[in-house]
């Protein structure tokens, strides 16, 4: 199994390097496994509204499926369209549902996360972590699930 993992790591690295140089999102080509596709969970974050405090039982997630990004912002679902040019990231059509959740800390976490997400303009993927940054913003995610 180790040779297959080595081959997979080489393919993933090559796909990421190729994609970052040609202005497309770093997904695999010709059926190769995608580099960023899957589900990610926010591990820590801060933005224009301050720290994104994580609330037990209310994870903040990001699911990447090509240019379609979606997830849960502690309470409500959100979605956006992503465009990547090198490491420059643009999120457009950012939409979310607007249900109220309890306790109040959940809504505060969600509000801080969505404010931070609106300022994101750079993406980095290193050592299994996905980091989205922008002016006064840093959101760090770890993968929780890869597509089958």
N, C-alpha and C. Protein backbone atom coordinates (compact mmCIF):
# COMPACT_ATOMS: atom_id res chain seq x y z
N UNK A 1 0.82 -1.19 0.00
CA UNK A 1 0.00 0.00 0.00
C UNK A 1 0.86 1.25 0.00
N UNK A 2 2.06 1.19 0.55
CA UNK A 2 2.94 2.37 0.61
C UNK A 2 3.27 2.91 -0.77
N UNK A 3 3.59 2.06 -1.79
CA UNK A 3 3.87 2.62 -3.12
C UNK A 3 2.67 3.39 -3.68
N UNK A 4 1.46 2.92 -3.46
CA UNK A 4 0.28 3.63 -3.95
C UNK A 4 0.15 4.99 -3.25
N UNK A 5 0.40 5.06 -1.96
CA UNK A 5 0.34 6.33 -1.24
C UNK A 5 1.39 7.29 -1.77
N UNK A 6 2.59 6.77 -2.04
CA UNK A 6 3.65 7.62 -2.60
C UNK A 6 3.22 8.15 -3.95
N UNK A 7 2.67 7.29 -4.80
CA UNK A 7 2.21 7.72 -6.11
C UNK A 7 1.11 8.77 -5.97
N UNK A 8 0.18 8.53 -5.05
CA UNK A 8 -0.91 9.47 -4.84
C UNK A 8 -0.38 10.82 -4.37
N UNK A 9 0.58 10.82 -3.47
CA UNK A 9 1.18 12.08 -3.00
C UNK A 9 1.84 12.83 -4.13
N UNK A 10 2.54 12.11 -5.02
CA UNK A 10 3.19 12.76 -6.17
C UNK A 10 2.15 13.35 -7.10
N UNK A 11 1.09 12.61 -7.38
CA UNK A 11 0.02 13.09 -8.25
C UNK A 11 -0.64 14.34 -7.65
N UNK A 12 -0.94 14.30 -6.36
CA UNK A 12 -1.57 15.44 -5.71
C UNK A 12 -0.67 16.67 -5.74
N UNK A 13 0.60 16.48 -5.46
CA UNK A 13 1.54 17.61 -5.49
C UNK A 13 1.66 18.19 -6.89
N UNK A 14 1.74 17.33 -7.89
CA UNK A 14 1.85 17.80 -9.27
C UNK A 14 0.59 18.55 -9.69
N UNK A 15 -0.57 18.05 -9.30
CA UNK A 15 -1.82 18.73 -9.64
C UNK A 15 -1.88 20.11 -8.99
N UNK A 16 -1.47 20.21 -7.74
CA UNK A 16 -1.49 21.49 -7.05
C UNK A 16 -0.53 22.47 -7.70
N UNK A 17 0.68 22.04 -7.98
CA UNK A 17 1.66 22.94 -8.60
C UNK A 17 1.21 23.38 -9.99
N UNK A 18 0.68 22.47 -10.76
CA UNK A 18 0.22 22.80 -12.10
C UNK A 18 -0.94 23.79 -12.03
N UNK A 19 -1.89 23.53 -11.17
CA UNK A 19 -3.07 24.39 -11.08
C UNK A 19 -2.72 25.78 -10.60
N UNK A 20 -1.84 25.89 -9.63
CA UNK A 20 -1.51 27.21 -9.11
C UNK A 20 -0.81 28.06 -10.16
N UNK A 21 -0.18 27.45 -11.12
CA UNK A 21 0.52 28.22 -12.13
C UNK A 21 -0.35 28.63 -13.30
N UNK A 22 -1.53 28.04 -13.47
CA UNK A 22 -2.30 28.36 -14.66
C UNK A 22 -3.65 29.01 -14.39
N UNK A 23 -3.87 29.49 -13.16
CA UNK A 23 -5.07 30.27 -12.89
C UNK A 23 -6.34 29.46 -12.70
N UNK A 24 -6.25 28.18 -12.42
CA UNK A 24 -7.44 27.39 -12.15
C UNK A 24 -7.35 26.85 -10.74
N UNK A 25 -8.49 26.42 -10.23
CA UNK A 25 -8.48 25.84 -8.90
C UNK A 25 -7.69 24.53 -8.91
N UNK A 26 -6.99 24.20 -7.83
CA UNK A 26 -6.14 23.01 -7.82
C UNK A 26 -6.90 21.71 -7.63
N UNK A 27 -7.75 21.38 -8.58
CA UNK A 27 -8.41 20.09 -8.58
C UNK A 27 -7.61 19.18 -9.49
N UNK A 28 -7.76 17.91 -9.32
CA UNK A 28 -7.06 16.97 -10.17
C UNK A 28 -7.58 17.04 -11.61
N UNK A 29 -6.81 16.49 -12.53
CA UNK A 29 -7.20 16.46 -13.93
C UNK A 29 -7.30 15.01 -14.37
N UNK A 30 -8.10 14.76 -15.38
CA UNK A 30 -8.23 13.42 -15.96
C UNK A 30 -8.54 12.36 -14.91
N UNK A 31 -9.41 12.69 -13.96
CA UNK A 31 -9.82 11.71 -12.97
C UNK A 31 -8.88 11.56 -11.79
N UNK A 32 -7.77 12.31 -11.74
CA UNK A 32 -6.89 12.24 -10.58
C UNK A 32 -7.64 12.76 -9.36
N UNK A 33 -7.30 12.28 -8.17
CA UNK A 33 -7.98 12.76 -6.97
C UNK A 33 -7.76 14.26 -6.79
N UNK A 34 -8.80 14.98 -6.39
CA UNK A 34 -8.65 16.42 -6.18
C UNK A 34 -7.81 16.72 -4.95
N UNK A 35 -7.13 17.85 -4.97
CA UNK A 35 -6.27 18.23 -3.86
C UNK A 35 -7.06 18.84 -2.71
N UNK A 36 -7.96 19.74 -3.01
CA UNK A 36 -8.69 20.45 -1.96
C UNK A 36 -10.10 19.93 -1.73
N UNK A 37 -10.60 19.10 -2.62
CA UNK A 37 -11.98 18.63 -2.50
C UNK A 37 -12.17 17.86 -1.21
N UNK A 38 -13.32 18.04 -0.62
CA UNK A 38 -13.66 17.34 0.59
C UNK A 38 -14.20 18.28 1.64
N UNK A 39 -14.32 17.78 2.84
CA UNK A 39 -14.87 18.56 3.94
C UNK A 39 -13.76 18.95 4.91
N UNK A 40 -13.78 20.21 5.28
CA UNK A 40 -12.80 20.80 6.18
C UNK A 40 -13.52 21.37 7.39
N UNK A 41 -12.81 21.40 8.54
CA UNK A 41 -13.39 22.01 9.74
C UNK A 41 -12.47 23.12 10.22
N UNK A 42 -13.08 24.24 10.59
CA UNK A 42 -12.31 25.37 11.10
C UNK A 42 -11.67 25.00 12.44
N UNK A 43 -10.36 25.20 12.52
CA UNK A 43 -9.63 24.92 13.76
C UNK A 43 -9.39 26.19 14.56
N UNK A 44 -9.19 27.30 13.85
CA UNK A 44 -9.04 28.60 14.51
C UNK A 44 -9.23 29.68 13.46
N UNK A 45 -9.64 30.85 13.93
CA UNK A 45 -9.86 31.92 12.98
C UNK A 45 -10.01 33.27 13.65
N UNK A 46 -9.74 34.28 12.86
CA UNK A 46 -9.97 35.66 13.28
C UNK A 46 -10.28 36.47 12.04
N UNK A 47 -10.94 37.59 12.25
CA UNK A 47 -11.32 38.44 11.14
C UNK A 47 -11.59 39.85 11.61
N UNK A 48 -12.26 40.64 10.79
CA UNK A 48 -12.50 42.04 11.13
C UNK A 48 -13.32 42.23 12.40
N UNK A 49 -14.11 41.22 12.77
CA UNK A 49 -14.90 41.30 14.00
C UNK A 49 -14.21 40.63 15.18
N UNK A 50 -12.93 40.28 15.04
CA UNK A 50 -12.18 39.64 16.11
C UNK A 50 -12.08 38.14 15.94
N UNK A 51 -11.80 37.46 17.04
CA UNK A 51 -11.65 36.01 17.02
C UNK A 51 -12.96 35.33 16.66
N UNK A 52 -12.84 34.22 15.94
CA UNK A 52 -13.99 33.36 15.68
C UNK A 52 -13.96 32.30 16.78
N UNK A 53 -14.76 32.52 17.80
CA UNK A 53 -14.79 31.58 18.93
C UNK A 53 -15.57 30.34 18.52
N UNK A 54 -14.93 29.18 18.66
CA UNK A 54 -15.57 27.92 18.31
C UNK A 54 -16.43 27.44 19.48
N UNK A 55 -17.63 26.97 19.17
CA UNK A 55 -18.59 26.53 20.18
C UNK A 55 -18.76 25.02 20.07
N UNK A 56 -18.53 24.30 21.17
CA UNK A 56 -18.68 22.84 21.17
C UNK A 56 -20.05 22.45 20.64
N UNK A 57 -20.06 21.45 19.76
CA UNK A 57 -21.31 20.96 19.20
C UNK A 57 -21.84 21.77 18.03
N UNK A 58 -21.13 22.83 17.65
CA UNK A 58 -21.54 23.69 16.53
C UNK A 58 -20.33 23.98 15.65
N UNK A 59 -19.83 22.96 14.95
CA UNK A 59 -18.62 23.15 14.14
C UNK A 59 -18.86 24.09 12.96
N UNK A 60 -17.79 24.71 12.53
CA UNK A 60 -17.79 25.51 11.31
C UNK A 60 -17.07 24.68 10.27
N UNK A 61 -17.78 24.39 9.18
CA UNK A 61 -17.23 23.51 8.16
C UNK A 61 -17.17 24.21 6.81
N UNK A 62 -16.34 23.65 5.94
CA UNK A 62 -16.21 24.10 4.56
C UNK A 62 -16.11 22.86 3.69
N UNK A 63 -17.05 22.71 2.76
CA UNK A 63 -17.01 21.59 1.82
C UNK A 63 -16.67 22.15 0.45
N UNK A 64 -15.58 21.64 -0.12
CA UNK A 64 -15.11 22.10 -1.42
C UNK A 64 -15.43 21.03 -2.46
N UNK A 65 -16.16 21.45 -3.48
CA UNK A 65 -16.52 20.57 -4.60
C UNK A 65 -16.32 21.40 -5.87
N UNK A 66 -15.10 21.36 -6.40
CA UNK A 66 -14.76 22.21 -7.53
C UNK A 66 -14.84 23.67 -7.12
N UNK A 67 -15.47 24.48 -7.93
CA UNK A 67 -15.60 25.90 -7.62
C UNK A 67 -16.75 26.17 -6.66
N UNK A 68 -17.53 25.14 -6.33
CA UNK A 68 -18.65 25.31 -5.41
C UNK A 68 -18.19 25.03 -3.98
N UNK A 69 -18.26 26.03 -3.15
CA UNK A 69 -17.89 25.91 -1.74
C UNK A 69 -19.15 26.09 -0.92
N UNK A 70 -19.30 25.27 0.13
CA UNK A 70 -20.44 25.37 1.01
C UNK A 70 -20.05 24.80 2.37
N UNK A 71 -20.90 25.04 3.33
CA UNK A 71 -20.62 24.49 4.65
C UNK A 71 -21.63 24.96 5.65
N UNK A 72 -21.27 24.76 6.90
CA UNK A 72 -22.09 25.21 8.02
C UNK A 72 -21.27 26.23 8.80
N UNK A 73 -21.89 27.37 9.07
CA UNK A 73 -21.22 28.46 9.78
C UNK A 73 -21.66 28.46 11.25
N UNK A 74 -21.46 27.33 11.92
CA UNK A 74 -21.85 27.12 13.32
C UNK A 74 -23.34 26.84 13.46
N UNK A 75 -24.18 27.53 12.70
CA UNK A 75 -25.63 27.33 12.77
C UNK A 75 -26.21 27.18 11.37
N UNK A 76 -26.05 28.20 10.56
CA UNK A 76 -26.65 28.24 9.24
C UNK A 76 -25.74 27.69 8.16
N UNK A 77 -26.36 27.24 7.08
CA UNK A 77 -25.61 26.78 5.91
C UNK A 77 -25.24 27.99 5.06
N UNK A 78 -24.11 27.88 4.36
CA UNK A 78 -23.68 28.94 3.45
C UNK A 78 -23.12 28.30 2.19
N UNK A 79 -23.01 29.12 1.14
CA UNK A 79 -22.41 28.66 -0.11
C UNK A 79 -21.76 29.85 -0.81
N UNK A 80 -20.81 29.54 -1.70
CA UNK A 80 -20.12 30.56 -2.47
C UNK A 80 -19.52 29.91 -3.70
N UNK A 81 -19.15 30.73 -4.65
CA UNK A 81 -18.42 30.28 -5.82
C UNK A 81 -16.99 30.79 -5.67
N UNK A 82 -16.01 29.90 -5.84
CA UNK A 82 -14.60 30.23 -5.65
C UNK A 82 -13.88 30.30 -6.98
N UNK A 83 -13.02 31.30 -7.10
CA UNK A 83 -12.12 31.42 -8.25
C UNK A 83 -10.72 31.62 -7.69
N UNK A 84 -9.77 30.84 -8.17
CA UNK A 84 -8.40 30.91 -7.69
C UNK A 84 -7.47 31.20 -8.85
N UNK A 85 -6.60 32.19 -8.66
CA UNK A 85 -5.58 32.54 -9.65
C UNK A 85 -4.26 32.58 -8.91
N UNK A 86 -3.45 31.52 -9.05
CA UNK A 86 -2.27 31.39 -8.20
C UNK A 86 -2.75 31.15 -6.78
N UNK A 87 -2.36 32.02 -5.86
CA UNK A 87 -2.87 31.90 -4.49
C UNK A 87 -3.94 32.94 -4.20
N UNK A 88 -4.30 33.76 -5.20
CA UNK A 88 -5.34 34.77 -5.04
C UNK A 88 -6.72 34.10 -5.15
N UNK A 89 -7.53 34.30 -4.13
CA UNK A 89 -8.84 33.67 -4.05
C UNK A 89 -9.92 34.74 -4.09
N UNK A 90 -10.96 34.48 -4.87
CA UNK A 90 -12.13 35.35 -4.87
C UNK A 90 -13.36 34.49 -4.62
N UNK A 91 -14.12 34.87 -3.60
CA UNK A 91 -15.38 34.20 -3.30
C UNK A 91 -16.51 35.12 -3.73
N UNK A 92 -17.38 34.62 -4.60
CA UNK A 92 -18.52 35.41 -5.05
C UNK A 92 -19.79 34.65 -4.73
N UNK A 93 -20.90 35.33 -4.86
CA UNK A 93 -22.21 34.73 -4.61
C UNK A 93 -22.27 34.07 -3.24
N UNK A 94 -21.71 34.75 -2.23
CA UNK A 94 -21.73 34.24 -0.87
C UNK A 94 -23.14 34.43 -0.30
N UNK A 95 -23.79 33.31 -0.02
CA UNK A 95 -25.17 33.30 0.49
C UNK A 95 -25.24 32.42 1.72
N UNK A 96 -26.19 32.69 2.62
CA UNK A 96 -26.38 31.84 3.78
C UNK A 96 -27.83 31.92 4.24
N UNK A 97 -28.24 30.86 4.94
CA UNK A 97 -29.57 30.84 5.53
C UNK A 97 -29.54 31.71 6.78
N UNK A 98 -30.72 32.04 7.31
CA UNK A 98 -30.77 32.97 8.43
C UNK A 98 -31.67 32.48 9.56
N UNK A 99 -31.39 31.30 10.06
CA UNK A 99 -32.12 30.78 11.22
C UNK A 99 -31.41 31.26 12.48
N UNK A 100 -32.15 31.42 13.54
CA UNK A 100 -31.57 31.76 14.83
C UNK A 100 -31.21 30.47 15.56
N UNK A 101 -30.09 30.47 16.25
CA UNK A 101 -29.64 29.30 17.00
C UNK A 101 -29.28 29.71 18.42
N UNK A 102 -29.34 28.75 19.31
CA UNK A 102 -29.00 28.99 20.71
C UNK A 102 -27.90 28.05 21.11
N UNK A 103 -27.06 28.39 22.02
CA UNK A 103 -27.02 29.63 22.79
C UNK A 103 -26.51 30.81 21.95
N UNK A 104 -26.58 32.01 22.48
CA UNK A 104 -26.16 33.21 21.73
C UNK A 104 -24.72 33.14 21.21
N UNK A 105 -23.85 32.38 21.87
CA UNK A 105 -22.47 32.26 21.44
C UNK A 105 -22.35 31.65 20.04
N UNK A 106 -23.33 30.81 19.68
CA UNK A 106 -23.32 30.20 18.35
C UNK A 106 -23.50 31.27 17.29
N UNK A 107 -24.44 32.17 17.50
CA UNK A 107 -24.69 33.24 16.54
C UNK A 107 -23.50 34.21 16.47
N UNK A 108 -22.86 34.45 17.61
CA UNK A 108 -21.67 35.32 17.62
C UNK A 108 -20.54 34.68 16.83
N UNK A 109 -20.34 33.38 17.00
CA UNK A 109 -19.32 32.65 16.26
C UNK A 109 -19.61 32.72 14.77
N UNK A 110 -20.85 32.46 14.40
CA UNK A 110 -21.25 32.49 13.00
C UNK A 110 -21.04 33.88 12.39
N UNK A 111 -21.44 34.89 13.09
CA UNK A 111 -21.30 36.26 12.59
C UNK A 111 -19.83 36.61 12.36
N UNK A 112 -18.98 36.25 13.30
CA UNK A 112 -17.54 36.53 13.16
C UNK A 112 -16.95 35.75 11.99
N UNK A 113 -17.38 34.49 11.81
CA UNK A 113 -16.87 33.68 10.70
C UNK A 113 -17.29 34.25 9.35
N UNK A 114 -18.57 34.58 9.20
CA UNK A 114 -19.04 35.10 7.92
C UNK A 114 -18.40 36.44 7.59
N UNK A 115 -18.18 37.28 8.59
CA UNK A 115 -17.49 38.56 8.36
C UNK A 115 -16.06 38.30 7.88
N UNK A 116 -15.40 37.32 8.48
CA UNK A 116 -14.03 36.97 8.07
C UNK A 116 -14.03 36.39 6.66
N UNK A 117 -14.98 35.51 6.37
CA UNK A 117 -15.04 34.87 5.06
C UNK A 117 -15.21 35.90 3.93
N UNK A 118 -15.96 36.96 4.21
CA UNK A 118 -16.18 38.00 3.20
C UNK A 118 -14.90 38.76 2.86
N UNK A 119 -13.87 38.71 3.70
CA UNK A 119 -12.63 39.45 3.44
C UNK A 119 -11.52 38.58 2.87
N UNK A 120 -11.76 37.29 2.75
CA UNK A 120 -10.73 36.35 2.29
C UNK A 120 -10.33 36.67 0.85
N UNK A 121 -8.99 36.70 0.61
CA UNK A 121 -8.51 36.94 -0.76
C UNK A 121 -7.29 36.09 -1.11
N UNK A 122 -6.85 35.21 -0.20
CA UNK A 122 -5.68 34.38 -0.44
C UNK A 122 -5.90 33.00 0.15
N UNK A 123 -5.40 31.97 -0.55
CA UNK A 123 -5.51 30.59 -0.10
C UNK A 123 -4.12 29.99 -0.03
N UNK A 124 -3.87 29.20 1.01
CA UNK A 124 -2.62 28.43 1.11
C UNK A 124 -2.97 27.04 1.59
N UNK A 125 -2.30 26.03 1.03
CA UNK A 125 -2.48 24.64 1.44
C UNK A 125 -1.10 24.09 1.76
N UNK A 126 -0.88 23.74 3.02
CA UNK A 126 0.42 23.24 3.43
C UNK A 126 0.26 22.32 4.63
N UNK A 127 0.99 21.21 4.59
CA UNK A 127 0.99 20.24 5.69
C UNK A 127 -0.42 19.83 6.11
N UNK A 128 -1.30 19.64 5.11
CA UNK A 128 -2.64 19.17 5.40
C UNK A 128 -3.58 20.22 5.94
N UNK A 129 -3.14 21.48 6.01
CA UNK A 129 -4.00 22.55 6.49
C UNK A 129 -4.33 23.50 5.35
N UNK A 130 -5.54 23.97 5.34
CA UNK A 130 -6.01 24.96 4.38
C UNK A 130 -6.16 26.26 5.14
N UNK A 131 -5.48 27.31 4.68
CA UNK A 131 -5.55 28.60 5.34
C UNK A 131 -6.05 29.64 4.36
N UNK A 132 -7.11 30.31 4.75
CA UNK A 132 -7.68 31.41 3.98
C UNK A 132 -7.35 32.70 4.71
N UNK A 133 -6.79 33.67 3.98
CA UNK A 133 -6.41 34.92 4.61
C UNK A 133 -6.94 36.10 3.81
N UNK A 134 -6.97 37.24 4.45
CA UNK A 134 -7.37 38.50 3.85
C UNK A 134 -6.97 39.60 4.81
N UNK A 135 -7.31 40.84 4.53
CA UNK A 135 -6.96 41.93 5.44
C UNK A 135 -7.51 41.69 6.84
N UNK A 136 -6.62 41.49 7.79
CA UNK A 136 -7.02 41.24 9.17
C UNK A 136 -7.72 39.92 9.40
N UNK A 137 -7.59 38.98 8.45
CA UNK A 137 -8.32 37.71 8.53
C UNK A 137 -7.39 36.52 8.35
N UNK A 138 -7.59 35.50 9.17
CA UNK A 138 -6.93 34.21 8.98
C UNK A 138 -7.87 33.12 9.47
N UNK A 139 -8.20 32.18 8.57
CA UNK A 139 -9.06 31.04 8.88
C UNK A 139 -8.28 29.77 8.56
N UNK A 140 -8.08 28.92 9.55
CA UNK A 140 -7.29 27.70 9.36
C UNK A 140 -8.20 26.49 9.54
N UNK A 141 -8.20 25.63 8.49
CA UNK A 141 -9.05 24.45 8.46
C UNK A 141 -8.18 23.19 8.39
N UNK A 142 -8.74 22.09 8.91
CA UNK A 142 -8.16 20.75 8.73
C UNK A 142 -9.21 19.88 8.07
N UNK A 143 -8.74 19.01 7.19
CA UNK A 143 -9.65 18.12 6.47
C UNK A 143 -10.28 17.12 7.43
N UNK A 144 -11.58 16.92 7.25
CA UNK A 144 -12.28 15.91 8.03
C UNK A 144 -12.75 14.77 7.17
N UNK A 145 -12.87 15.01 5.84
CA UNK A 145 -13.38 13.98 4.96
C UNK A 145 -12.95 14.28 3.54
N UNK A 146 -12.53 13.25 2.82
CA UNK A 146 -12.22 13.40 1.41
C UNK A 146 -13.29 12.66 0.61
N UNK A 147 -13.54 13.11 -0.60
CA UNK A 147 -14.56 12.42 -1.40
C UNK A 147 -14.12 11.01 -1.76
N UNK A 148 -15.08 10.14 -1.95
CA UNK A 148 -14.79 8.74 -2.30
C UNK A 148 -14.25 8.62 -3.69
